[in-house]
Amino acid sequence: MLRFIARRLVFMVAVLFGMTLITFMLTHVIPADPIRLLAGPHATQSQIATLRHEYGMDRPLPQQYVVYIGNLRHGDLGISLTDRHPVLDDIKQFFPATVELVLCSLILAVGIGVPLGVYAAMGRGRLADLMIRLTSIAGVSMPVFWLGLVLQLIFFKQLGWLPLDGRLEILDTPPNTITGLYLVDTVITGNFSMLAPVLLHLLLPAVTLALGSLVLITRMTRASVLEALAQDYVRTARAKGVRNRRVVFRHALKNAITPTLTVIGLQFGYLLSGDFLVETIFNWPGIGYYAVNAISNLDFPGIMGVTLVVSIIYVLANLVVDVLYVAFDPRVEY
C-alpha cells in the first residue's frame, strides 16, 4: 500500500509539471498584453517597460517558466496583477469558501444519490424507477448556470424564501475565523445565531452545484446494485430466506459501491471546475470567483495559481478513492 501511494505521488508530480507547462504556455501565447492593461490607457512606454521588468515579463518565455518553477519550490505562486498581493495569500483567503461549498454539495450528492440509486434498483421497472431515471437524464442535460438563475428567480424573487447571493448579508458579522468555513466556525465559536443565515445562503449554490453529480451518482449506484443483485451469492442468500433489504444493503451494496466511489472521486474534481460558474452566479467569494476575475484581468499568476491548486486537489481526490477501494472491496490488492 505504501509503495503504491509513493508511486502515485511521484506520478502526481509529473502530472502537475505537465499541467504547469501547458497552462503557462496557453496563458502567455494569447494575443493580449496584461501589463498594458495593468498600466492603464494613459501609461507611457517607459512606465509599461518598468512594470514589465518588475513582473519579469521582459524575459524570454523559457526563462520565465524556469523562474516560475523555481519559485514554486519555495511555495511562491507569484504576485497577482489584479490586486498586487501574493497569489498564495489570495488563494488562502478565497479557498475556504470554495471548500465549504464543494463539500456541502458533495454531501448532498452522495447522501441523496446513493439511496436513490439503491431504491431505483430495488424497484426495477416500476414507476419510481422510471421517474428517477427520467429525472437523472434531465439533471445531466441541465446547464448549471441556467439552473442557478432559475432557482434564484423562484426562491428569491418569487417566493422570497432564500437570499440571492453571497455568504452572508452585507450587515451581518461573519463568525470568528478559525477554519474559514462559516458552518464549522459558528459551531466551534458557539455563535449559533449565525447558523441559520449561513445555511440559508449556502443552500441555493450547494443545490445548484450538486445536481449534476447527484444524478450521475444515482445512475451509477443503480447500475452497480443491479449487477450485484444478479450474482450467485445474492441468489444463494435469497434461497436461504434472507430478507430482501438485508440482501441489498448487507451484500449487494457493499460489493457495488466500488464503481460509485470512482464516480464520486471524479465528481469531486467536476464540482471544483463547475464551481466557477456557480460562484459567479451567486457572487460566492471562492477561488472560482477569484479565477473568473483573474481571467477577465489577464492575471496570469492568479490563473496559474488557481489551476495548480485545483489540479493538486483533483489528483489527491483520485488517490484517496483508490485507497478506499481496499476498505470496501477486500478483493482489491496493490
Protein backbone atom coordinates (compact mmCIF):
# COMPACT_ATOMS: atom_id res chain seq x y z
CA MET A 1 0.00 0.00 0.00
CA LEU A 2 2.72 2.48 0.98
CA ARG A 3 4.66 1.69 -2.20
CA PHE A 4 1.51 2.26 -4.23
CA ILE A 5 0.87 5.65 -2.59
CA ALA A 6 4.51 6.68 -3.05
CA ARG A 7 4.39 5.71 -6.72
CA ARG A 8 1.18 7.67 -7.24
CA LEU A 9 2.67 10.72 -5.54
CA VAL A 10 5.64 10.56 -7.92
CA PHE A 11 3.25 10.37 -10.87
CA MET A 12 1.35 13.32 -9.39
CA VAL A 13 4.50 15.44 -9.56
CA ALA A 14 4.88 14.56 -13.23
CA VAL A 15 1.24 15.38 -13.93
CA LEU A 16 1.45 18.72 -12.15
CA PHE A 17 4.67 19.57 -14.00
CA GLY A 18 2.96 18.92 -17.33
CA MET A 19 -0.08 20.90 -16.24
CA THR A 20 2.01 23.93 -15.28
CA LEU A 21 3.86 23.79 -18.61
CA ILE A 22 0.67 23.63 -20.69
CA THR A 23 -1.12 26.30 -18.66
CA PHE A 24 1.92 28.59 -18.71
CA MET A 25 2.21 28.35 -22.48
CA LEU A 26 -1.52 28.86 -23.07
CA THR A 27 -1.71 31.93 -20.85
CA HIS A 28 1.37 33.52 -22.40
CA VAL A 29 0.69 32.91 -26.09
CA ILE A 30 -2.72 34.58 -26.20
CA PRO A 31 -2.70 37.85 -28.22
CA ALA A 32 -3.09 40.14 -25.21
CA ASP A 33 -0.80 42.23 -23.04
CA PRO A 34 -1.67 42.09 -19.32
CA ILE A 35 1.00 44.67 -18.46
CA ARG A 36 -0.55 47.24 -20.79
CA LEU A 37 -3.96 46.52 -19.27
CA LEU A 38 -2.49 46.85 -15.78
CA ALA A 39 -0.72 50.14 -16.59
CA GLY A 40 -3.90 51.76 -17.89
CA PRO A 41 -4.69 53.59 -21.13
CA HIS A 42 -2.65 56.69 -20.29
CA ALA A 43 0.61 54.96 -19.30
CA THR A 44 3.78 55.88 -21.17
CA GLN A 45 6.08 53.38 -22.82
CA SER A 46 8.66 53.82 -20.08
CA GLN A 47 6.08 53.10 -17.38
CA ILE A 48 4.95 49.99 -19.25
CA ALA A 49 8.55 48.85 -19.62
CA THR A 50 9.15 49.38 -15.89
CA LEU A 51 6.10 47.27 -14.98
CA ARG A 52 7.10 44.59 -17.47
CA HIS A 53 10.54 44.38 -15.85
CA GLU A 54 9.04 44.40 -12.35
CA TYR A 55 6.91 41.32 -13.13
CA GLY A 56 9.69 39.62 -15.10
CA MET A 57 7.74 39.62 -18.36
CA ASP A 58 10.56 41.19 -20.35
CA ARG A 59 12.44 37.88 -20.33
CA PRO A 60 12.12 35.06 -22.89
CA LEU A 61 9.28 32.62 -22.17
CA PRO A 62 11.52 29.62 -21.35
CA GLN A 63 13.39 31.74 -18.81
CA GLN A 64 10.12 32.98 -17.30
CA TYR A 65 8.94 29.38 -16.91
CA VAL A 66 12.19 28.29 -15.24
CA VAL A 67 11.88 31.19 -12.80
CA TYR A 68 8.23 30.25 -12.12
CA ILE A 69 9.13 26.61 -11.38
CA GLY A 70 11.98 27.74 -9.15
CA ASN A 71 9.60 29.95 -7.18
CA LEU A 72 7.11 27.07 -6.87
CA ARG A 73 9.72 25.06 -5.00
CA HIS A 74 9.54 27.70 -2.25
CA GLY A 75 5.73 27.97 -2.28
CA ASP A 76 5.77 31.24 -4.23
CA LEU A 77 2.92 31.41 -6.75
CA GLY A 78 3.79 34.91 -7.87
CA ILE A 79 2.21 38.33 -7.41
CA SER A 80 -1.32 38.94 -8.65
CA LEU A 81 -1.57 41.52 -11.42
CA THR A 82 -5.04 42.48 -10.20
CA ASP A 83 -4.54 43.42 -6.55
CA ARG A 84 -0.70 43.28 -6.25
CA HIS A 85 -0.99 40.69 -3.46
CA PRO A 86 0.82 37.33 -3.38
CA VAL A 87 -1.33 34.79 -5.19
CA LEU A 88 -0.86 32.30 -2.34
CA ASP A 89 -2.34 34.79 0.13
CA ASP A 90 -5.31 35.40 -2.19
CA ILE A 91 -5.95 31.67 -2.51
CA LYS A 92 -5.75 31.23 1.27
CA GLN A 93 -8.38 33.96 1.60
CA PHE A 94 -10.80 32.63 -1.03
CA PHE A 95 -10.23 28.88 -0.76
CA PRO A 96 -12.23 28.17 2.46
CA ALA A 97 -15.44 29.42 0.84
CA THR A 98 -14.92 27.05 -2.07
CA VAL A 99 -14.15 24.12 0.23
CA GLU A 100 -17.33 24.74 2.20
CA LEU A 101 -19.48 24.93 -0.93
CA VAL A 102 -17.93 21.90 -2.62
CA LEU A 103 -18.07 19.70 0.49
CA CYS A 104 -21.72 20.57 1.14
CA SER A 105 -22.55 19.87 -2.50
CA LEU A 106 -20.75 16.53 -2.38
CA ILE A 107 -22.53 15.57 0.84
CA LEU A 108 -25.87 16.36 -0.81
CA ALA A 109 -24.96 14.45 -3.96
CA VAL A 110 -23.76 11.33 -2.12
CA GLY A 111 -26.34 11.45 0.67
CA ILE A 112 -29.23 11.63 -1.78
CA GLY A 113 -27.78 9.93 -4.86
CA VAL A 114 -26.73 6.62 -3.30
CA PRO A 115 -30.07 5.93 -1.53
CA LEU A 116 -31.97 6.93 -4.68
CA GLY A 117 -29.86 4.58 -6.78
CA VAL A 118 -30.43 1.71 -4.37
CA TYR A 119 -34.17 2.43 -4.23
CA ALA A 120 -34.39 2.51 -8.03
CA ALA A 121 -32.53 -0.81 -8.28
CA MET A 122 -34.82 -2.45 -5.70
CA GLY A 123 -37.88 -1.36 -7.68
CA ARG A 124 -36.50 -2.00 -11.15
CA GLY A 125 -39.09 -1.40 -13.88
CA ARG A 126 -41.60 0.23 -11.55
CA LEU A 127 -42.90 3.79 -11.75
CA ALA A 128 -40.47 5.13 -9.14
CA ASP A 129 -37.53 3.64 -11.03
CA LEU A 130 -38.75 5.19 -14.27
CA MET A 131 -39.20 8.62 -12.69
CA ILE A 132 -35.73 8.50 -11.12
CA ARG A 133 -34.16 7.59 -14.46
CA LEU A 134 -36.02 10.31 -16.34
CA THR A 135 -35.08 12.87 -13.70
CA SER A 136 -31.46 11.77 -13.92
CA ILE A 137 -31.39 12.31 -17.67
CA ALA A 138 -32.94 15.76 -17.25
CA GLY A 139 -30.47 16.63 -14.49
CA VAL A 140 -27.44 15.67 -16.56
CA SER A 141 -28.71 17.71 -19.50
CA MET A 142 -29.42 20.84 -17.45
CA PRO A 143 -26.75 23.60 -17.64
CA VAL A 144 -25.59 24.60 -14.18
CA PHE A 145 -25.75 28.34 -14.89
CA TRP A 146 -29.35 28.06 -16.11
CA LEU A 147 -30.37 26.06 -13.04
CA GLY A 148 -28.78 28.64 -10.74
CA LEU A 149 -30.63 31.51 -12.39
CA VAL A 150 -33.95 29.62 -12.27
CA LEU A 151 -33.51 28.82 -8.57
CA GLN A 152 -32.73 32.48 -7.86
CA LEU A 153 -35.84 33.52 -9.77
CA ILE A 154 -38.10 31.09 -7.90
CA PHE A 155 -36.78 31.08 -4.33
CA PHE A 156 -35.55 34.67 -4.09
CA LYS A 157 -37.67 36.79 -6.41
CA GLN A 158 -40.98 34.89 -6.48
CA LEU A 159 -41.14 33.23 -3.04
CA GLY A 160 -38.65 35.31 -1.06
CA TRP A 161 -37.58 32.27 0.95
CA LEU A 162 -33.81 32.31 0.31
CA PRO A 163 -31.17 35.03 -0.16
CA LEU A 164 -29.91 35.90 -3.62
CA ASP A 165 -26.14 35.63 -3.27
CA GLY A 166 -23.09 35.92 -1.05
CA ARG A 167 -22.16 34.01 2.10
CA LEU A 168 -23.96 36.49 4.40
CA GLU A 169 -25.90 39.72 4.17
CA ILE A 170 -23.88 42.94 3.97
CA LEU A 171 -24.68 44.00 7.54
CA ASP A 172 -24.16 40.53 9.06
CA THR A 173 -20.97 39.97 11.03
CA PRO A 174 -19.11 36.80 9.96
CA PRO A 175 -18.20 34.30 12.70
CA ASN A 176 -14.70 34.47 14.14
CA THR A 177 -12.37 32.96 11.56
CA ILE A 178 -10.80 29.68 12.68
CA THR A 179 -11.13 27.39 9.66
CA GLY A 180 -12.72 29.85 7.22
CA LEU A 181 -15.71 27.51 6.88
CA TYR A 182 -18.60 29.50 8.27
CA LEU A 183 -20.63 26.42 9.24
CA VAL A 184 -17.73 24.97 11.20
CA ASP A 185 -16.72 28.29 12.73
CA THR A 186 -20.23 29.02 14.00
CA VAL A 187 -20.27 25.67 15.81
CA ILE A 188 -16.75 25.97 17.18
CA THR A 189 -17.27 29.51 18.49
CA GLY A 190 -20.79 28.78 19.75
CA ASN A 191 -22.24 31.56 17.57
CA PHE A 192 -25.40 29.60 16.81
CA SER A 193 -27.36 32.75 15.97
CA MET A 194 -25.43 32.87 12.69
CA LEU A 195 -26.05 29.22 11.83
CA ALA A 196 -29.40 29.81 10.12
CA PRO A 197 -28.19 32.73 7.92
CA VAL A 198 -25.12 30.74 6.88
CA LEU A 199 -27.22 27.70 5.94
CA LEU A 200 -29.75 29.79 4.02
CA HIS A 201 -27.04 31.47 1.96
CA LEU A 202 -25.37 28.13 1.31
CA LEU A 203 -28.46 26.22 0.24
CA LEU A 204 -29.09 27.55 -3.29
CA PRO A 205 -25.50 27.40 -4.58
CA ALA A 206 -24.94 23.99 -2.97
CA VAL A 207 -28.08 22.52 -4.58
CA THR A 208 -27.18 24.08 -7.94
CA LEU A 209 -23.68 22.63 -7.84
CA ALA A 210 -24.75 19.23 -6.52
CA LEU A 211 -27.48 18.37 -9.03
CA GLY A 212 -25.25 17.21 -11.87
CA SER A 213 -23.18 14.99 -9.59
CA LEU A 214 -26.27 13.70 -7.79
CA VAL A 215 -27.88 12.30 -10.92
CA LEU A 216 -24.64 10.63 -12.09
CA ILE A 217 -24.10 9.02 -8.69
CA THR A 218 -27.73 7.85 -8.71
CA ARG A 219 -27.41 6.20 -12.12
CA MET A 220 -24.07 4.58 -11.32
CA THR A 221 -25.34 3.24 -7.98
CA ARG A 222 -28.44 1.82 -9.63
CA ALA A 223 -26.44 0.09 -12.37
CA SER A 224 -23.88 -1.31 -9.91
CA VAL A 225 -26.50 -2.61 -7.50
CA LEU A 226 -28.44 -4.28 -10.33
CA GLU A 227 -25.26 -6.00 -11.48
CA ALA A 228 -24.52 -7.16 -7.94
CA LEU A 229 -28.06 -8.45 -7.46
CA ALA A 230 -27.57 -10.76 -10.44
CA GLN A 231 -24.59 -12.51 -8.82
CA ASP A 232 -24.67 -16.06 -7.44
CA TYR A 233 -24.02 -15.06 -3.82
CA VAL A 234 -27.17 -12.92 -3.87
CA ARG A 235 -29.28 -15.75 -5.22
CA THR A 236 -27.80 -18.01 -2.55
CA ALA A 237 -28.67 -15.55 0.21
CA ARG A 238 -32.24 -15.27 -1.07
CA ALA A 239 -32.53 -19.05 -1.30
CA LYS A 240 -31.59 -19.21 2.38
CA GLY A 241 -34.51 -16.91 3.20
CA VAL A 242 -32.58 -13.71 3.88
CA ARG A 243 -34.84 -10.67 3.67
CA ASN A 244 -34.58 -8.56 0.53
CA ARG A 245 -33.46 -5.38 2.32
CA ARG A 246 -30.69 -7.27 4.12
CA VAL A 247 -29.57 -8.82 0.83
CA VAL A 248 -29.41 -5.41 -0.86
CA PHE A 249 -27.74 -3.40 1.90
CA ARG A 250 -25.58 -6.09 3.51
CA HIS A 251 -24.40 -7.98 0.44
CA ALA A 252 -25.11 -6.22 -2.86
CA LEU A 253 -24.41 -2.60 -1.93
CA LYS A 254 -21.02 -3.24 -0.35
CA ASN A 255 -19.82 -5.04 -3.47
CA ALA A 256 -21.42 -2.48 -5.80
CA ILE A 257 -20.00 0.63 -4.13
CA THR A 258 -16.57 0.48 -5.81
CA PRO A 259 -17.68 1.88 -9.21
CA THR A 260 -19.67 4.54 -7.36
CA LEU A 261 -16.52 5.55 -5.46
CA THR A 262 -14.81 6.16 -8.80
CA VAL A 263 -17.63 8.43 -9.89
CA ILE A 264 -17.57 10.27 -6.56
CA GLY A 265 -13.85 10.94 -6.93
CA LEU A 266 -14.30 12.23 -10.46
CA GLN A 267 -17.27 14.33 -9.41
CA PHE A 268 -15.19 15.99 -6.73
CA GLY A 269 -13.00 17.37 -9.50
CA TYR A 270 -16.09 18.25 -11.52
CA LEU A 271 -17.52 20.18 -8.59
CA LEU A 272 -14.32 22.22 -8.33
CA SER A 273 -14.46 23.10 -12.02
CA GLY A 274 -18.23 23.70 -12.17
CA ASP A 275 -17.83 25.78 -9.05
CA PHE A 276 -16.50 28.64 -11.20
CA LEU A 277 -19.90 29.26 -12.81
CA VAL A 278 -21.85 28.78 -9.59
CA GLU A 279 -19.65 31.16 -7.62
CA THR A 280 -20.03 33.80 -10.33
CA ILE A 281 -23.82 33.48 -10.44
CA PHE A 282 -24.21 33.54 -6.66
CA ASN A 283 -21.41 36.05 -6.01
CA TRP A 284 -19.75 33.43 -3.81
CA PRO A 285 -16.26 34.61 -2.73
CA GLY A 286 -14.30 31.45 -3.52
CA ILE A 287 -11.41 30.61 -5.82
CA GLY A 288 -13.82 30.16 -8.73
CA TYR A 289 -14.92 33.77 -8.36
CA TYR A 290 -11.28 34.77 -7.94
CA ALA A 291 -10.29 32.84 -11.09
CA VAL A 292 -13.00 34.45 -13.20
CA ASN A 293 -11.77 37.90 -12.15
CA ALA A 294 -8.19 36.80 -12.89
CA ILE A 295 -9.18 35.68 -16.38
CA SER A 296 -11.06 38.93 -17.02
CA ASN A 297 -8.00 40.96 -16.00
CA LEU A 298 -5.44 38.70 -17.74
CA ASP A 299 -3.93 37.97 -14.34
CA PHE A 300 -1.55 35.19 -15.40
CA PRO A 301 -0.15 34.42 -11.90
CA GLY A 302 -3.69 34.21 -10.50
CA ILE A 303 -4.82 31.88 -13.29
CA MET A 304 -1.76 29.65 -12.83
CA GLY A 305 -2.20 29.56 -9.06
CA VAL A 306 -5.85 28.51 -9.15
CA THR A 307 -5.16 25.91 -11.87
CA LEU A 308 -2.35 24.42 -9.81
CA VAL A 309 -4.43 24.22 -6.62
CA VAL A 310 -7.41 22.62 -8.40
CA SER A 311 -5.13 20.11 -10.13
CA ILE A 312 -3.48 19.09 -6.85
CA ILE A 313 -6.86 18.56 -5.17
CA TYR A 314 -8.20 16.60 -8.14
CA VAL A 315 -5.20 14.24 -8.21
CA LEU A 316 -5.26 13.74 -4.43
CA ALA A 317 -9.01 13.04 -4.50
CA ASN A 318 -8.46 10.24 -7.02
CA LEU A 319 -5.64 8.85 -4.88
CA VAL A 320 -7.94 8.77 -1.84
CA VAL A 321 -10.60 6.94 -3.89
CA ASP A 322 -8.08 4.32 -4.99
CA VAL A 323 -7.03 3.76 -1.39
CA LEU A 324 -10.66 3.42 -0.31
CA TYR A 325 -11.13 0.56 -2.77
CA VAL A 326 -9.30 -1.71 -0.33
CA ALA A 327 -11.60 -0.73 2.55
CA PHE A 328 -14.78 -1.51 0.57
CA ASP A 329 -13.59 -4.41 -1.57
CA PRO A 330 -11.15 -6.91 0.02
CA ARG A 331 -10.54 -8.46 -3.41
CA VAL A 332 -8.56 -5.35 -4.46
CA GLU A 333 -4.83 -5.57 -3.82
CA TYR A 334 -1.98 -3.19 -4.59
